[in-house]
Amino acid sequence: FRPYQLSLPLPGIATTMGNAAPRGPAVEERLTQPRRLVRQLSDLDSDRLRRLIRSGDLAPCFDAAEEDGRAVECPICFHFYPSLNRSKCCGKGICTECFLQLMPSKASKAVQYPSLLPS
């Protein structure tokens, strides 16, 4: 006897690996592409960026807003946004466009630190 039987897929519910999870709000297409970049990003993967924004893993590329009680200021560009990306280590916020510009490019070499040997 099953008191509740659900038929999947349900409207507004995404199923992944047999689990049901509520879908987030749809993101407008214009908010999936950066518009205020200071430098051109040659290795920006637009499709991957769009997927990360639509899945909620990265904040949308919001238009900068005037300061109000609900907006949060990006500490790098000093623009105000409805929400920011939060770092896992310290919880500080950064807007998506600043994140993209600070992210190391594939062309840049990784910084190598000299090994510390006991003397």
N, C-alpha and C. Protein backbone atom coordinates (compact mmCIF):
# COMPACT_ATOMS: atom_id res chain seq x y z
N PHE A 1 0.84 -1.18 0.00
CA PHE A 1 0.00 0.00 0.00
C PHE A 1 0.88 1.24 0.00
N ARG A 2 0.70 2.12 -1.01
CA ARG A 2 1.45 3.37 -1.09
C ARG A 2 0.47 4.53 -1.04
N PRO A 3 0.49 5.34 0.03
CA PRO A 3 -0.45 6.44 0.11
C PRO A 3 -0.17 7.53 -0.92
N TYR A 4 1.10 7.73 -1.28
CA TYR A 4 1.45 8.77 -2.25
C TYR A 4 2.26 8.14 -3.37
N GLN A 5 1.81 8.31 -4.56
CA GLN A 5 2.56 7.80 -5.69
C GLN A 5 2.76 8.96 -6.65
N LEU A 6 4.03 9.27 -6.94
CA LEU A 6 4.36 10.38 -7.82
C LEU A 6 4.70 9.86 -9.20
N SER A 7 4.20 10.54 -10.19
CA SER A 7 4.60 10.20 -11.55
C SER A 7 5.61 11.24 -11.99
N LEU A 8 6.80 10.80 -12.36
CA LEU A 8 7.86 11.71 -12.79
C LEU A 8 7.87 11.80 -14.29
N PRO A 9 8.28 12.90 -14.87
CA PRO A 9 8.76 14.11 -14.24
C PRO A 9 7.60 15.01 -13.82
N LEU A 10 7.81 15.69 -12.72
CA LEU A 10 6.84 16.66 -12.22
C LEU A 10 7.20 18.04 -12.75
N PRO A 11 6.22 18.89 -12.99
CA PRO A 11 6.55 20.24 -13.43
C PRO A 11 7.32 20.97 -12.33
N GLY A 12 8.42 21.62 -12.70
CA GLY A 12 9.21 22.35 -11.73
C GLY A 12 10.17 21.49 -10.94
N ILE A 13 10.24 20.19 -11.26
CA ILE A 13 11.14 19.28 -10.55
C ILE A 13 12.08 18.65 -11.57
N ALA A 14 13.38 18.74 -11.30
CA ALA A 14 14.37 18.11 -12.17
C ALA A 14 14.76 16.78 -11.54
N THR A 15 14.96 15.78 -12.36
CA THR A 15 15.40 14.49 -11.82
C THR A 15 16.81 14.21 -12.30
N THR A 16 17.67 13.82 -11.38
CA THR A 16 19.04 13.48 -11.69
C THR A 16 19.38 12.21 -10.93
N MET A 17 19.80 11.20 -11.65
CA MET A 17 20.19 9.93 -11.03
C MET A 17 19.09 9.38 -10.13
N GLY A 18 17.84 9.59 -10.51
CA GLY A 18 16.73 9.04 -9.74
C GLY A 18 16.28 9.91 -8.59
N ASN A 19 16.99 10.98 -8.30
CA ASN A 19 16.62 11.89 -7.22
C ASN A 19 15.87 13.08 -7.79
N ALA A 20 14.92 13.59 -7.05
CA ALA A 20 14.17 14.75 -7.50
C ALA A 20 14.65 15.98 -6.74
N ALA A 21 14.86 17.05 -7.47
CA ALA A 21 15.30 18.31 -6.85
C ALA A 21 14.55 19.45 -7.51
N PRO A 22 14.13 20.46 -6.75
CA PRO A 22 13.42 21.58 -7.36
C PRO A 22 14.33 22.36 -8.28
N ARG A 23 13.80 22.78 -9.41
CA ARG A 23 14.55 23.59 -10.35
C ARG A 23 14.62 25.01 -9.85
N GLY A 24 15.75 25.64 -10.10
CA GLY A 24 15.90 27.05 -9.74
C GLY A 24 15.17 27.92 -10.75
N PRO A 25 15.07 29.20 -10.47
CA PRO A 25 14.41 30.09 -11.42
C PRO A 25 15.22 30.18 -12.71
N ALA A 26 14.53 30.33 -13.82
CA ALA A 26 15.19 30.43 -15.11
C ALA A 26 16.01 31.72 -15.17
N VAL A 27 17.18 31.66 -15.78
CA VAL A 27 18.05 32.82 -15.91
C VAL A 27 17.92 33.35 -17.33
N GLU A 28 17.72 34.66 -17.46
CA GLU A 28 17.62 35.27 -18.79
C GLU A 28 18.93 35.05 -19.54
N GLU A 29 18.83 34.85 -20.84
CA GLU A 29 19.99 34.58 -21.68
C GLU A 29 21.02 35.72 -21.59
N ARG A 30 20.56 36.96 -21.52
CA ARG A 30 21.49 38.09 -21.49
C ARG A 30 22.34 38.10 -20.22
N LEU A 31 21.88 37.42 -19.17
CA LEU A 31 22.63 37.38 -17.91
C LEU A 31 23.65 36.24 -17.87
N THR A 32 23.76 35.50 -18.98
CA THR A 32 24.73 34.40 -19.02
C THR A 32 26.01 34.80 -19.75
N GLN A 33 26.11 36.05 -20.20
CA GLN A 33 27.30 36.52 -20.91
C GLN A 33 27.83 37.79 -20.24
N PRO A 34 29.14 37.86 -19.98
CA PRO A 34 29.70 39.07 -19.37
C PRO A 34 29.66 40.24 -20.35
N ARG A 35 29.43 41.45 -19.82
CA ARG A 35 29.36 42.64 -20.67
C ARG A 35 30.33 43.73 -20.24
N ARG A 36 30.91 43.64 -19.06
CA ARG A 36 31.77 44.70 -18.55
C ARG A 36 33.21 44.25 -18.37
N LEU A 37 33.72 43.41 -19.19
CA LEU A 37 35.09 42.92 -19.02
C LEU A 37 36.10 44.01 -19.36
N VAL A 38 37.12 44.15 -18.52
CA VAL A 38 38.17 45.15 -18.75
C VAL A 38 39.12 44.66 -19.84
N ARG A 39 39.39 43.38 -19.85
CA ARG A 39 40.27 42.81 -20.88
C ARG A 39 39.54 41.67 -21.58
N GLN A 40 39.93 41.43 -22.82
CA GLN A 40 39.32 40.36 -23.61
C GLN A 40 39.84 39.02 -23.10
N LEU A 41 38.95 38.08 -22.87
CA LEU A 41 39.32 36.75 -22.40
C LEU A 41 39.34 35.80 -23.59
N SER A 42 40.54 35.47 -24.06
CA SER A 42 40.66 34.65 -25.26
C SER A 42 40.20 33.21 -25.06
N ASP A 43 40.32 32.70 -23.84
CA ASP A 43 39.97 31.30 -23.61
C ASP A 43 38.67 31.13 -22.83
N LEU A 44 37.79 32.13 -22.90
CA LEU A 44 36.50 32.04 -22.21
C LEU A 44 35.60 31.04 -22.95
N ASP A 45 35.14 30.03 -22.26
CA ASP A 45 34.24 29.03 -22.82
C ASP A 45 32.80 29.47 -22.52
N SER A 46 32.17 30.12 -23.50
CA SER A 46 30.83 30.68 -23.30
C SER A 46 29.79 29.63 -22.96
N ASP A 47 29.88 28.46 -23.57
CA ASP A 47 28.90 27.41 -23.29
C ASP A 47 29.04 26.90 -21.85
N ARG A 48 30.26 26.72 -21.40
CA ARG A 48 30.48 26.26 -20.02
C ARG A 48 30.02 27.33 -19.03
N LEU A 49 30.32 28.60 -19.34
CA LEU A 49 29.87 29.69 -18.48
C LEU A 49 28.35 29.71 -18.38
N ARG A 50 27.67 29.55 -19.50
CA ARG A 50 26.21 29.52 -19.53
C ARG A 50 25.68 28.38 -18.67
N ARG A 51 26.28 27.18 -18.79
CA ARG A 51 25.84 26.03 -17.99
C ARG A 51 26.05 26.28 -16.49
N LEU A 52 27.19 26.84 -16.12
CA LEU A 52 27.47 27.11 -14.70
C LEU A 52 26.48 28.12 -14.12
N ILE A 53 26.13 29.13 -14.91
CA ILE A 53 25.18 30.13 -14.43
C ILE A 53 23.78 29.54 -14.33
N ARG A 54 23.36 28.80 -15.35
CA ARG A 54 22.01 28.22 -15.34
C ARG A 54 21.85 27.15 -14.26
N SER A 55 22.94 26.46 -13.91
CA SER A 55 22.85 25.43 -12.87
C SER A 55 22.92 26.03 -11.46
N GLY A 56 23.25 27.31 -11.37
CA GLY A 56 23.34 27.96 -10.06
C GLY A 56 24.70 27.86 -9.41
N ASP A 57 25.69 27.31 -10.13
CA ASP A 57 27.04 27.20 -9.58
C ASP A 57 27.80 28.52 -9.65
N LEU A 58 27.34 29.44 -10.49
CA LEU A 58 27.97 30.75 -10.66
C LEU A 58 26.86 31.78 -10.74
N ALA A 59 27.05 32.93 -10.11
CA ALA A 59 26.03 33.98 -10.13
C ALA A 59 25.88 34.53 -11.55
N PRO A 60 24.68 34.93 -11.95
CA PRO A 60 24.50 35.54 -13.27
C PRO A 60 25.30 36.83 -13.41
N CYS A 61 25.54 37.24 -14.64
CA CYS A 61 26.24 38.49 -14.93
C CYS A 61 25.21 39.62 -14.86
N PHE A 62 24.84 40.00 -13.64
CA PHE A 62 23.82 41.02 -13.43
C PHE A 62 24.31 42.38 -13.92
N ASP A 63 23.35 43.25 -14.25
CA ASP A 63 23.68 44.64 -14.51
C ASP A 63 24.00 45.29 -13.17
N ALA A 64 24.99 46.18 -13.16
CA ALA A 64 25.34 46.88 -11.93
C ALA A 64 24.16 47.75 -11.51
N ALA A 65 23.90 47.79 -10.21
CA ALA A 65 22.75 48.53 -9.70
C ALA A 65 23.23 49.67 -8.80
N GLU A 66 22.32 50.58 -8.54
CA GLU A 66 22.60 51.64 -7.57
C GLU A 66 22.55 51.01 -6.18
N GLU A 67 23.23 51.64 -5.26
CA GLU A 67 23.25 51.12 -3.90
C GLU A 67 21.84 51.16 -3.31
N ASP A 68 21.40 50.04 -2.83
CA ASP A 68 20.13 49.98 -2.10
C ASP A 68 20.28 48.94 -1.00
N GLY A 69 19.28 48.77 -0.21
CA GLY A 69 19.37 47.88 0.94
C GLY A 69 19.58 46.42 0.60
N ARG A 70 19.17 45.98 -0.59
CA ARG A 70 19.26 44.56 -0.94
C ARG A 70 20.51 44.23 -1.74
N ALA A 71 21.13 45.22 -2.39
CA ALA A 71 22.29 44.97 -3.24
C ALA A 71 23.55 44.76 -2.40
N VAL A 72 24.47 43.96 -2.95
CA VAL A 72 25.74 43.65 -2.29
C VAL A 72 26.86 44.21 -3.16
N GLU A 73 27.85 44.83 -2.54
CA GLU A 73 28.94 45.45 -3.29
C GLU A 73 30.07 44.46 -3.55
N CYS A 74 30.53 44.42 -4.81
CA CYS A 74 31.71 43.62 -5.15
C CYS A 74 32.93 44.39 -4.66
N PRO A 75 33.81 43.76 -3.88
CA PRO A 75 34.96 44.49 -3.33
C PRO A 75 36.05 44.80 -4.35
N ILE A 76 35.92 44.31 -5.57
CA ILE A 76 36.94 44.56 -6.59
C ILE A 76 36.52 45.69 -7.52
N CYS A 77 35.32 45.61 -8.09
CA CYS A 77 34.87 46.64 -9.04
C CYS A 77 34.01 47.71 -8.37
N PHE A 78 33.57 47.47 -7.14
CA PHE A 78 32.75 48.40 -6.36
C PHE A 78 31.37 48.67 -6.96
N HIS A 79 30.87 47.76 -7.80
CA HIS A 79 29.50 47.84 -8.30
C HIS A 79 28.61 47.04 -7.36
N PHE A 80 27.33 47.34 -7.39
CA PHE A 80 26.36 46.64 -6.53
C PHE A 80 25.55 45.65 -7.36
N TYR A 81 25.30 44.46 -6.78
CA TYR A 81 24.60 43.38 -7.46
C TYR A 81 23.59 42.73 -6.52
N PRO A 82 22.57 42.07 -7.09
CA PRO A 82 21.60 41.35 -6.24
C PRO A 82 22.24 40.20 -5.47
N SER A 83 23.25 39.55 -6.06
CA SER A 83 23.96 38.47 -5.36
C SER A 83 25.36 38.34 -5.94
N LEU A 84 26.26 37.76 -5.15
CA LEU A 84 27.65 37.56 -5.56
C LEU A 84 28.01 36.09 -5.41
N ASN A 85 29.10 35.69 -6.05
CA ASN A 85 29.68 34.37 -5.84
C ASN A 85 30.42 34.41 -4.51
N ARG A 86 30.37 33.35 -3.75
CA ARG A 86 31.04 33.29 -2.44
C ARG A 86 32.17 32.28 -2.49
N SER A 87 33.34 32.68 -1.99
CA SER A 87 34.46 31.75 -1.94
C SER A 87 34.23 30.73 -0.83
N LYS A 88 34.73 29.53 -1.03
CA LYS A 88 34.55 28.48 -0.03
C LYS A 88 35.48 28.68 1.16
N CYS A 89 36.63 29.30 0.93
CA CYS A 89 37.61 29.41 2.02
C CYS A 89 37.24 30.47 3.04
N CYS A 90 36.82 31.66 2.60
CA CYS A 90 36.58 32.74 3.56
C CYS A 90 35.17 33.32 3.47
N GLY A 91 34.39 32.89 2.48
CA GLY A 91 33.02 33.37 2.36
C GLY A 91 32.89 34.76 1.77
N LYS A 92 33.97 35.34 1.27
CA LYS A 92 33.91 36.68 0.67
C LYS A 92 33.24 36.60 -0.69
N GLY A 93 32.56 37.67 -1.07
CA GLY A 93 31.85 37.72 -2.33
C GLY A 93 32.63 38.40 -3.43
N ILE A 94 32.34 38.00 -4.67
CA ILE A 94 32.95 38.61 -5.86
C ILE A 94 31.96 38.43 -7.01
N CYS A 95 31.82 39.45 -7.84
CA CYS A 95 30.89 39.34 -8.97
C CYS A 95 31.47 38.40 -10.02
N THR A 96 30.64 37.89 -10.89
CA THR A 96 31.07 36.93 -11.90
C THR A 96 32.08 37.52 -12.86
N GLU A 97 31.88 38.77 -13.28
CA GLU A 97 32.79 39.37 -14.24
C GLU A 97 34.18 39.59 -13.65
N CYS A 98 34.27 39.97 -12.39
CA CYS A 98 35.58 40.09 -11.73
C CYS A 98 36.21 38.71 -11.56
N PHE A 99 35.40 37.72 -11.22
CA PHE A 99 35.90 36.35 -11.08
C PHE A 99 36.52 35.88 -12.40
N LEU A 100 35.84 36.13 -13.51
CA LEU A 100 36.34 35.70 -14.81
C LEU A 100 37.67 36.37 -15.16
N GLN A 101 37.81 37.64 -14.77
CA GLN A 101 39.04 38.36 -15.09
C GLN A 101 40.21 37.97 -14.18
N LEU A 102 39.90 37.54 -12.96
CA LEU A 102 40.96 37.13 -12.03
C LEU A 102 41.33 35.66 -12.16
N MET A 103 40.47 34.89 -12.80
CA MET A 103 40.72 33.47 -12.98
C MET A 103 41.94 33.29 -13.88
N PRO A 104 42.89 32.42 -13.53
CA PRO A 104 44.07 32.24 -14.38
C PRO A 104 43.67 31.67 -15.74
N SER A 105 44.28 32.20 -16.80
CA SER A 105 43.98 31.70 -18.13
C SER A 105 44.77 30.43 -18.39
N LYS A 106 44.35 29.68 -19.40
CA LYS A 106 45.05 28.44 -19.75
C LYS A 106 46.43 28.75 -20.29
N ALA A 107 46.60 29.94 -20.89
CA ALA A 107 47.88 30.31 -21.49
C ALA A 107 48.92 30.72 -20.45
N SER A 108 48.46 31.17 -19.28
CA SER A 108 49.42 31.61 -18.25
C SER A 108 50.05 30.40 -17.57
N LYS A 109 51.29 30.56 -17.19
CA LYS A 109 51.98 29.46 -16.51
C LYS A 109 51.69 29.53 -15.03
N ALA A 110 51.62 28.38 -14.42
CA ALA A 110 51.39 28.32 -12.98
C ALA A 110 52.60 28.87 -12.25
N VAL A 111 52.35 29.54 -11.16
CA VAL A 111 53.44 30.08 -10.35
C VAL A 111 54.13 28.93 -9.65
N GLN A 112 55.43 28.90 -9.75
CA GLN A 112 56.19 27.85 -9.08
C GLN A 112 57.00 28.48 -7.96
N TYR A 113 56.86 27.95 -6.79
CA TYR A 113 57.58 28.45 -5.63
C TYR A 113 58.84 27.61 -5.45
N PRO A 114 59.93 28.25 -5.06
CA PRO A 114 61.15 27.46 -4.83
C PRO A 114 60.96 26.51 -3.65
N SER A 115 61.59 25.36 -3.74
CA SER A 115 61.48 24.42 -2.62
C SER A 115 62.28 24.96 -1.44
N LEU A 116 61.73 24.72 -0.30
CA LEU A 116 62.41 25.14 0.92
C LEU A 116 63.18 23.94 1.46
N LEU A 117 64.46 24.08 1.48
CA LEU A 117 65.32 23.00 1.99
C LEU A 117 65.94 23.43 3.31
N PRO A 118 66.03 22.51 4.25
CA PRO A 118 66.69 22.88 5.51
C PRO A 118 68.16 23.19 5.26
N SER A 119 68.67 24.20 5.94
CA SER A 119 70.09 24.54 5.74
C SER A 119 70.98 24.01 6.83
